[in-house]
C-alpha cells in the first residue's frame, strides 16, 4: 500500500459515513472487521454505525488529527451533536455535547480490518 494512498482512503471512508452511504461501506470495511476486540464482520459494523446515527441524528465525523504509519491510521475525531436519550450510559436526552474519539485503524487489502476506539466520556459527563 502506498503511504500517500491510505490517508485519502481514510478520508473517503469518513465521507462515506457522513453521507450514511451504507451500500458503499464494503469498499472501506473488511468482511471480517473487528471493533474493540469484538468480531462484527461487515454486517455488524454497518449495524453499529446505523445504530449510532439512529441515536444521534446529527452525527458528523470531523477529522481533527490524522497520523499514518501503514498499515495503521490513528485519528482524533471531534463531535458536536445532540444524542437522543441515553448515550454511553449517560442521560444526554437531546442536549448538545462536544467530545472526541481517539481511534486506531488497521488496514488489510485497502480495507479497515480492525478498529480500536476510545470516546472521551468524561468530556460528555462534564457538560451534563
N, C-alpha and C. Protein backbone atom coordinates (compact mmCIF):
# COMPACT_ATOMS: atom_id res chain seq x y z
N UNK A 1 0.85 -1.18 0.00
CA UNK A 1 0.00 0.00 0.00
C UNK A 1 0.88 1.24 0.00
N UNK A 2 0.61 2.14 -0.87
CA UNK A 2 1.39 3.37 -0.95
C UNK A 2 0.98 4.28 0.21
N UNK A 3 1.96 4.82 0.93
CA UNK A 3 1.72 5.60 2.13
C UNK A 3 0.79 6.78 1.88
N UNK A 4 0.89 7.42 0.73
CA UNK A 4 0.05 8.58 0.47
C UNK A 4 -1.38 8.19 0.13
N UNK A 5 -1.61 6.96 -0.23
CA UNK A 5 -2.96 6.49 -0.58
C UNK A 5 -3.82 6.26 0.66
N UNK A 6 -3.24 5.80 1.74
CA UNK A 6 -4.01 5.44 2.93
C UNK A 6 -4.77 6.62 3.54
N UNK A 7 -4.16 7.80 3.73
CA UNK A 7 -4.94 8.93 4.27
C UNK A 7 -6.12 9.31 3.37
N UNK A 8 -5.94 9.29 2.06
CA UNK A 8 -7.04 9.61 1.14
C UNK A 8 -8.15 8.56 1.26
N UNK A 9 -7.77 7.31 1.35
CA UNK A 9 -8.74 6.22 1.51
C UNK A 9 -9.52 6.41 2.81
N UNK A 10 -8.83 6.77 3.88
CA UNK A 10 -9.48 7.00 5.17
C UNK A 10 -10.46 8.18 5.08
N UNK A 11 -10.05 9.25 4.46
CA UNK A 11 -10.95 10.42 4.32
C UNK A 11 -12.17 10.07 3.47
N UNK A 12 -12.00 9.22 2.47
CA UNK A 12 -13.14 8.74 1.68
C UNK A 12 -14.09 7.90 2.55
N UNK A 13 -13.52 7.12 3.45
CA UNK A 13 -14.32 6.32 4.39
C UNK A 13 -15.14 7.24 5.30
N UNK A 14 -14.51 8.28 5.84
CA UNK A 14 -15.21 9.23 6.71
C UNK A 14 -16.33 9.92 5.93
N UNK A 15 -16.07 10.30 4.70
CA UNK A 15 -17.11 10.91 3.86
C UNK A 15 -18.27 9.95 3.64
N UNK A 16 -17.97 8.67 3.46
CA UNK A 16 -19.00 7.64 3.31
C UNK A 16 -19.88 7.58 4.56
N UNK A 17 -19.25 7.63 5.74
CA UNK A 17 -20.01 7.62 6.99
C UNK A 17 -20.90 8.85 7.09
N UNK A 18 -20.35 10.02 6.80
CA UNK A 18 -21.11 11.25 6.91
C UNK A 18 -22.28 11.31 5.93
N UNK A 19 -22.17 10.62 4.81
CA UNK A 19 -23.27 10.52 3.84
C UNK A 19 -24.26 9.42 4.22
N UNK A 20 -23.84 8.58 5.17
CA UNK A 20 -24.61 7.39 5.55
C UNK A 20 -24.85 6.51 4.33
N UNK A 21 -23.81 6.35 3.54
CA UNK A 21 -23.88 5.56 2.30
C UNK A 21 -23.53 4.11 2.63
N UNK A 22 -24.48 3.42 3.25
CA UNK A 22 -24.21 2.08 3.77
C UNK A 22 -23.91 1.08 2.66
N UNK A 23 -24.42 1.30 1.47
CA UNK A 23 -24.12 0.38 0.37
C UNK A 23 -22.65 0.44 -0.04
N UNK A 24 -22.01 1.59 0.16
CA UNK A 24 -20.60 1.76 -0.20
C UNK A 24 -19.66 1.35 0.93
N UNK A 25 -20.18 1.07 2.12
CA UNK A 25 -19.33 0.78 3.27
C UNK A 25 -18.37 -0.39 3.02
N UNK A 26 -18.80 -1.37 2.26
CA UNK A 26 -17.95 -2.52 1.95
C UNK A 26 -16.71 -2.18 1.14
N UNK A 27 -16.67 -1.01 0.53
CA UNK A 27 -15.47 -0.56 -0.18
C UNK A 27 -14.36 -0.22 0.80
N UNK A 28 -14.73 0.05 2.07
CA UNK A 28 -13.78 0.55 3.06
C UNK A 28 -13.57 -0.40 4.24
N UNK A 29 -14.55 -1.24 4.52
CA UNK A 29 -14.51 -2.09 5.71
C UNK A 29 -14.40 -3.55 5.29
N UNK A 30 -13.47 -4.25 5.90
CA UNK A 30 -13.21 -5.66 5.63
C UNK A 30 -14.40 -6.52 6.04
N UNK A 31 -14.62 -7.62 5.32
CA UNK A 31 -15.72 -8.53 5.64
C UNK A 31 -15.63 -9.10 7.05
N UNK A 32 -14.42 -9.21 7.59
CA UNK A 32 -14.19 -9.77 8.93
C UNK A 32 -13.78 -8.69 9.92
N UNK A 33 -14.38 -7.52 9.84
CA UNK A 33 -13.99 -6.39 10.68
C UNK A 33 -14.14 -6.70 12.18
N UNK A 34 -13.21 -6.12 12.94
CA UNK A 34 -13.19 -6.26 14.40
C UNK A 34 -13.23 -4.85 14.98
N UNK A 35 -14.09 -4.67 16.00
CA UNK A 35 -14.19 -3.37 16.67
C UNK A 35 -13.99 -3.58 18.17
N UNK A 36 -12.96 -2.95 18.73
CA UNK A 36 -12.63 -3.08 20.15
C UNK A 36 -12.63 -4.53 20.62
N UNK A 37 -11.99 -5.37 19.82
CA UNK A 37 -11.82 -6.77 20.18
C UNK A 37 -12.99 -7.67 19.85
N UNK A 38 -14.09 -7.12 19.38
CA UNK A 38 -15.27 -7.92 19.04
C UNK A 38 -15.38 -8.07 17.53
N UNK A 39 -15.43 -9.31 17.07
CA UNK A 39 -15.56 -9.57 15.64
C UNK A 39 -17.01 -9.28 15.22
N UNK A 40 -17.18 -8.22 14.43
CA UNK A 40 -18.51 -7.82 13.98
C UNK A 40 -18.78 -8.23 12.54
N UNK A 41 -17.71 -8.32 11.76
CA UNK A 41 -17.88 -8.51 10.33
C UNK A 41 -18.48 -7.24 9.74
N UNK A 42 -18.58 -7.20 8.44
CA UNK A 42 -19.15 -6.02 7.77
C UNK A 42 -20.60 -5.78 8.17
N UNK A 43 -21.46 -6.83 8.23
CA UNK A 43 -22.85 -6.57 8.62
C UNK A 43 -22.99 -5.99 10.03
N UNK A 44 -22.22 -6.49 10.97
CA UNK A 44 -22.28 -6.00 12.34
C UNK A 44 -21.71 -4.60 12.46
N UNK A 45 -20.67 -4.32 11.70
CA UNK A 45 -20.06 -2.99 11.69
C UNK A 45 -21.07 -1.97 11.15
N UNK A 46 -21.74 -2.35 10.08
CA UNK A 46 -22.76 -1.47 9.50
C UNK A 46 -23.90 -1.26 10.49
N UNK A 47 -24.35 -2.32 11.16
CA UNK A 47 -25.43 -2.20 12.15
C UNK A 47 -25.02 -1.27 13.29
N UNK A 48 -23.76 -1.35 13.72
CA UNK A 48 -23.26 -0.47 14.78
C UNK A 48 -23.36 0.99 14.34
N UNK A 49 -22.94 1.28 13.12
CA UNK A 49 -22.99 2.65 12.61
C UNK A 49 -24.42 3.13 12.43
N UNK A 50 -25.28 2.28 11.91
CA UNK A 50 -26.68 2.66 11.74
C UNK A 50 -27.32 2.97 13.10
N UNK A 51 -26.97 2.20 14.11
CA UNK A 51 -27.47 2.43 15.47
C UNK A 51 -26.97 3.78 15.99
N UNK A 52 -25.69 4.07 15.74
CA UNK A 52 -25.12 5.35 16.16
C UNK A 52 -25.89 6.51 15.54
N UNK A 53 -26.18 6.44 14.24
CA UNK A 53 -26.90 7.51 13.56
C UNK A 53 -28.36 7.58 14.00
N UNK A 54 -28.95 6.45 14.38
CA UNK A 54 -30.33 6.47 14.90
C UNK A 54 -30.37 7.17 16.26
N UNK A 55 -29.35 6.94 17.09
CA UNK A 55 -29.29 7.56 18.42
C UNK A 55 -28.84 9.02 18.35
N UNK A 56 -28.09 9.36 17.29
CA UNK A 56 -27.54 10.72 17.14
C UNK A 56 -27.85 11.20 15.72
N UNK A 57 -29.04 11.72 15.50
CA UNK A 57 -29.44 12.10 14.14
C UNK A 57 -28.52 13.11 13.46
N UNK A 58 -27.86 13.97 14.23
CA UNK A 58 -26.98 14.98 13.63
C UNK A 58 -25.50 14.59 13.72
N UNK A 59 -25.25 13.29 13.82
CA UNK A 59 -23.87 12.80 13.93
C UNK A 59 -23.07 13.18 12.68
N UNK A 60 -21.88 13.72 12.92
CA UNK A 60 -20.98 14.10 11.83
C UNK A 60 -19.55 13.86 12.30
N UNK A 61 -18.81 13.09 11.52
CA UNK A 61 -17.43 12.75 11.84
C UNK A 61 -16.51 13.85 11.33
N UNK A 62 -15.80 14.52 12.23
CA UNK A 62 -14.90 15.60 11.88
C UNK A 62 -13.48 15.19 12.25
N UNK A 63 -12.64 14.97 11.25
CA UNK A 63 -11.26 14.55 11.48
C UNK A 63 -10.45 15.75 11.98
N UNK A 64 -9.95 15.66 13.21
CA UNK A 64 -9.14 16.72 13.81
C UNK A 64 -7.65 16.45 13.64
N UNK A 65 -7.29 15.18 13.68
CA UNK A 65 -5.89 14.78 13.61
C UNK A 65 -5.82 13.44 12.90
N UNK A 66 -4.86 13.31 12.00
CA UNK A 66 -4.71 12.07 11.25
C UNK A 66 -3.22 11.76 11.12
N UNK A 67 -2.84 10.57 11.61
CA UNK A 67 -1.46 10.13 11.54
C UNK A 67 -1.46 8.79 10.82
N UNK A 68 -0.54 8.64 9.88
CA UNK A 68 -0.50 7.44 9.06
C UNK A 68 0.86 6.75 9.20
N UNK A 69 0.83 5.48 9.53
CA UNK A 69 2.00 4.61 9.56
C UNK A 69 1.54 3.25 9.03
N UNK A 70 1.45 3.11 7.70
CA UNK A 70 0.86 1.92 7.10
C UNK A 70 1.37 0.62 7.72
N UNK A 71 0.46 -0.28 8.01
CA UNK A 71 -0.95 -0.31 7.62
C UNK A 71 -1.90 0.32 8.65
N UNK A 72 -1.39 1.25 9.46
CA UNK A 72 -2.20 1.84 10.52
C UNK A 72 -2.51 3.31 10.25
N UNK A 73 -3.68 3.71 10.75
CA UNK A 73 -4.10 5.11 10.79
C UNK A 73 -4.50 5.39 12.23
N UNK A 74 -4.07 6.51 12.76
CA UNK A 74 -4.54 6.99 14.06
C UNK A 74 -5.27 8.29 13.79
N UNK A 75 -6.45 8.43 14.37
CA UNK A 75 -7.27 9.60 14.10
C UNK A 75 -7.94 10.09 15.37
N UNK A 76 -8.00 11.40 15.49
CA UNK A 76 -8.81 12.00 16.55
C UNK A 76 -10.00 12.64 15.87
N UNK A 77 -11.17 12.13 16.19
CA UNK A 77 -12.41 12.61 15.61
C UNK A 77 -13.11 13.51 16.62
N UNK A 78 -13.63 14.61 16.15
CA UNK A 78 -14.35 15.55 17.03
C UNK A 78 -15.83 15.52 16.67
N UNK A 79 -16.67 15.53 17.69
CA UNK A 79 -18.11 15.50 17.50
C UNK A 79 -18.76 16.65 18.27
N UNK A 80 -19.75 17.25 17.66
CA UNK A 80 -20.58 18.27 18.29
C UNK A 80 -22.00 17.90 17.86
N UNK A 81 -22.76 17.27 18.76
CA UNK A 81 -24.01 16.66 18.34
C UNK A 81 -25.01 16.58 19.50
N UNK A 82 -26.21 16.10 19.18
CA UNK A 82 -27.28 16.01 20.17
C UNK A 82 -27.83 14.59 20.23
N UNK A 83 -27.17 13.71 20.98
CA UNK A 83 -27.70 12.35 21.14
C UNK A 83 -29.08 12.37 21.80
N UNK A 84 -29.97 11.56 21.30
CA UNK A 84 -31.29 11.45 21.92
C UNK A 84 -31.24 10.36 22.98
N UNK A 85 -31.91 10.56 24.07
CA UNK A 85 -31.97 9.54 25.11
C UNK A 85 -30.64 9.34 25.81
N UNK A 86 -30.38 8.09 26.18
CA UNK A 86 -29.16 7.72 26.90
C UNK A 86 -28.06 7.43 25.89
N UNK A 87 -26.88 8.00 26.13
CA UNK A 87 -25.72 7.80 25.25
C UNK A 87 -24.53 7.44 26.13
N UNK A 88 -23.92 6.30 25.86
CA UNK A 88 -22.79 5.80 26.64
C UNK A 88 -23.16 5.69 28.13
N UNK A 89 -24.42 5.35 28.38
CA UNK A 89 -24.89 5.22 29.75
C UNK A 89 -25.19 6.54 30.43
N UNK A 90 -25.14 7.63 29.69
CA UNK A 90 -25.37 8.96 30.25
C UNK A 90 -26.70 9.52 29.74
N UNK A 91 -27.48 10.17 30.60
CA UNK A 91 -28.77 10.73 30.19
C UNK A 91 -28.61 12.05 29.44
N UNK A 92 -28.19 11.97 28.20
CA UNK A 92 -27.95 13.18 27.40
C UNK A 92 -29.29 13.80 26.98
N UNK A 93 -30.22 12.96 26.52
CA UNK A 93 -31.59 13.37 26.23
C UNK A 93 -31.72 14.61 25.34
N UNK A 94 -30.97 14.65 24.25
CA UNK A 94 -31.10 15.73 23.28
C UNK A 94 -30.28 16.97 23.56
N UNK A 95 -29.49 16.96 24.62
CA UNK A 95 -28.62 18.10 24.91
C UNK A 95 -27.43 18.07 23.96
N UNK A 96 -27.01 19.23 23.47
CA UNK A 96 -25.84 19.30 22.59
C UNK A 96 -24.59 19.07 23.41
N UNK A 97 -23.76 18.16 22.96
CA UNK A 97 -22.50 17.86 23.63
C UNK A 97 -21.37 17.82 22.61
N UNK A 98 -20.17 18.14 23.07
CA UNK A 98 -18.96 18.05 22.24
C UNK A 98 -18.01 17.07 22.91
N UNK A 99 -17.41 16.21 22.11
CA UNK A 99 -16.48 15.22 22.65
C UNK A 99 -15.59 14.71 21.52
N UNK A 100 -14.53 14.04 21.92
CA UNK A 100 -13.59 13.48 20.95
C UNK A 100 -13.57 11.96 21.06
N UNK A 101 -13.14 11.35 19.98
CA UNK A 101 -12.91 9.91 19.93
C UNK A 101 -11.52 9.71 19.35
N UNK A 102 -10.72 8.92 20.04
CA UNK A 102 -9.39 8.56 19.54
C UNK A 102 -9.49 7.15 18.98
N UNK A 103 -9.12 7.00 17.71
CA UNK A 103 -9.34 5.74 17.01
C UNK A 103 -8.06 5.30 16.29
N UNK A 104 -7.78 4.00 16.41
CA UNK A 104 -6.67 3.39 15.68
C UNK A 104 -7.28 2.36 14.74
N UNK A 105 -6.91 2.45 13.47
CA UNK A 105 -7.41 1.54 12.44
C UNK A 105 -6.24 0.73 11.88
N UNK A 106 -6.49 -0.53 11.64
CA UNK A 106 -5.53 -1.36 10.92
C UNK A 106 -6.16 -1.76 9.59
N UNK A 107 -5.45 -1.48 8.51
CA UNK A 107 -5.94 -1.79 7.17
C UNK A 107 -5.30 -3.07 6.67
N UNK A 108 -6.09 -3.85 5.95
CA UNK A 108 -5.60 -5.03 5.22
C UNK A 108 -6.28 -5.01 3.86
N UNK A 109 -5.49 -5.16 2.83
CA UNK A 109 -6.00 -5.15 1.46
C UNK A 109 -6.86 -3.90 1.20
N UNK A 110 -6.36 -2.74 1.65
CA UNK A 110 -7.02 -1.44 1.45
C UNK A 110 -8.39 -1.33 2.12
N UNK A 111 -8.63 -2.15 3.16
CA UNK A 111 -9.90 -2.08 3.89
C UNK A 111 -9.61 -2.11 5.39
N UNK A 112 -10.51 -1.51 6.16
CA UNK A 112 -10.37 -1.48 7.62
C UNK A 112 -10.65 -2.86 8.16
N UNK A 113 -9.64 -3.44 8.78
CA UNK A 113 -9.76 -4.78 9.34
C UNK A 113 -10.06 -4.73 10.84
N UNK A 114 -9.35 -3.83 11.55
CA UNK A 114 -9.54 -3.74 12.99
C UNK A 114 -9.57 -2.29 13.44
N UNK A 115 -10.47 -2.00 14.39
CA UNK A 115 -10.65 -0.66 14.93
C UNK A 115 -10.54 -0.74 16.45
N UNK A 116 -9.74 0.17 17.00
CA UNK A 116 -9.65 0.31 18.45
C UNK A 116 -10.04 1.75 18.76
N UNK A 117 -11.09 1.92 19.57
CA UNK A 117 -11.69 3.24 19.76
C UNK A 117 -11.92 3.55 21.23
N UNK A 118 -11.63 4.81 21.60
CA UNK A 118 -11.91 5.30 22.95
C UNK A 118 -12.59 6.66 22.83
N UNK A 119 -13.79 6.77 23.40
CA UNK A 119 -14.54 8.03 23.39
C UNK A 119 -14.30 8.73 24.72
N UNK A 120 -14.12 10.04 24.66
CA UNK A 120 -13.89 10.85 25.87
C UNK A 120 -15.22 11.06 26.60
N UNK A 121 -15.62 10.04 27.33
CA UNK A 121 -16.88 10.07 28.08
C UNK A 121 -16.85 11.13 29.18
N UNK A 122 -15.69 11.38 29.77
CA UNK A 122 -15.57 12.39 30.82
C UNK A 122 -15.95 13.78 30.30
N UNK A 123 -15.63 14.06 29.04
CA UNK A 123 -15.99 15.36 28.45
C UNK A 123 -17.51 15.51 28.37
N UNK A 124 -18.19 14.43 28.06
CA UNK A 124 -19.66 14.46 27.99
C UNK A 124 -20.23 14.64 29.40
N UNK A 125 -19.71 13.88 30.36
CA UNK A 125 -20.18 13.98 31.74
C UNK A 125 -20.04 15.41 32.27
N UNK A 126 -18.96 16.07 31.93
CA UNK A 126 -18.72 17.44 32.41
C UNK A 126 -19.73 18.44 31.85
N UNK A 127 -20.33 18.10 30.70
CA UNK A 127 -21.30 19.01 30.07
C UNK A 127 -22.74 18.78 30.52
N UNK A 128 -22.96 17.69 31.23
CA UNK A 128 -24.34 17.36 31.66
C UNK A 128 -24.67 17.93 33.03
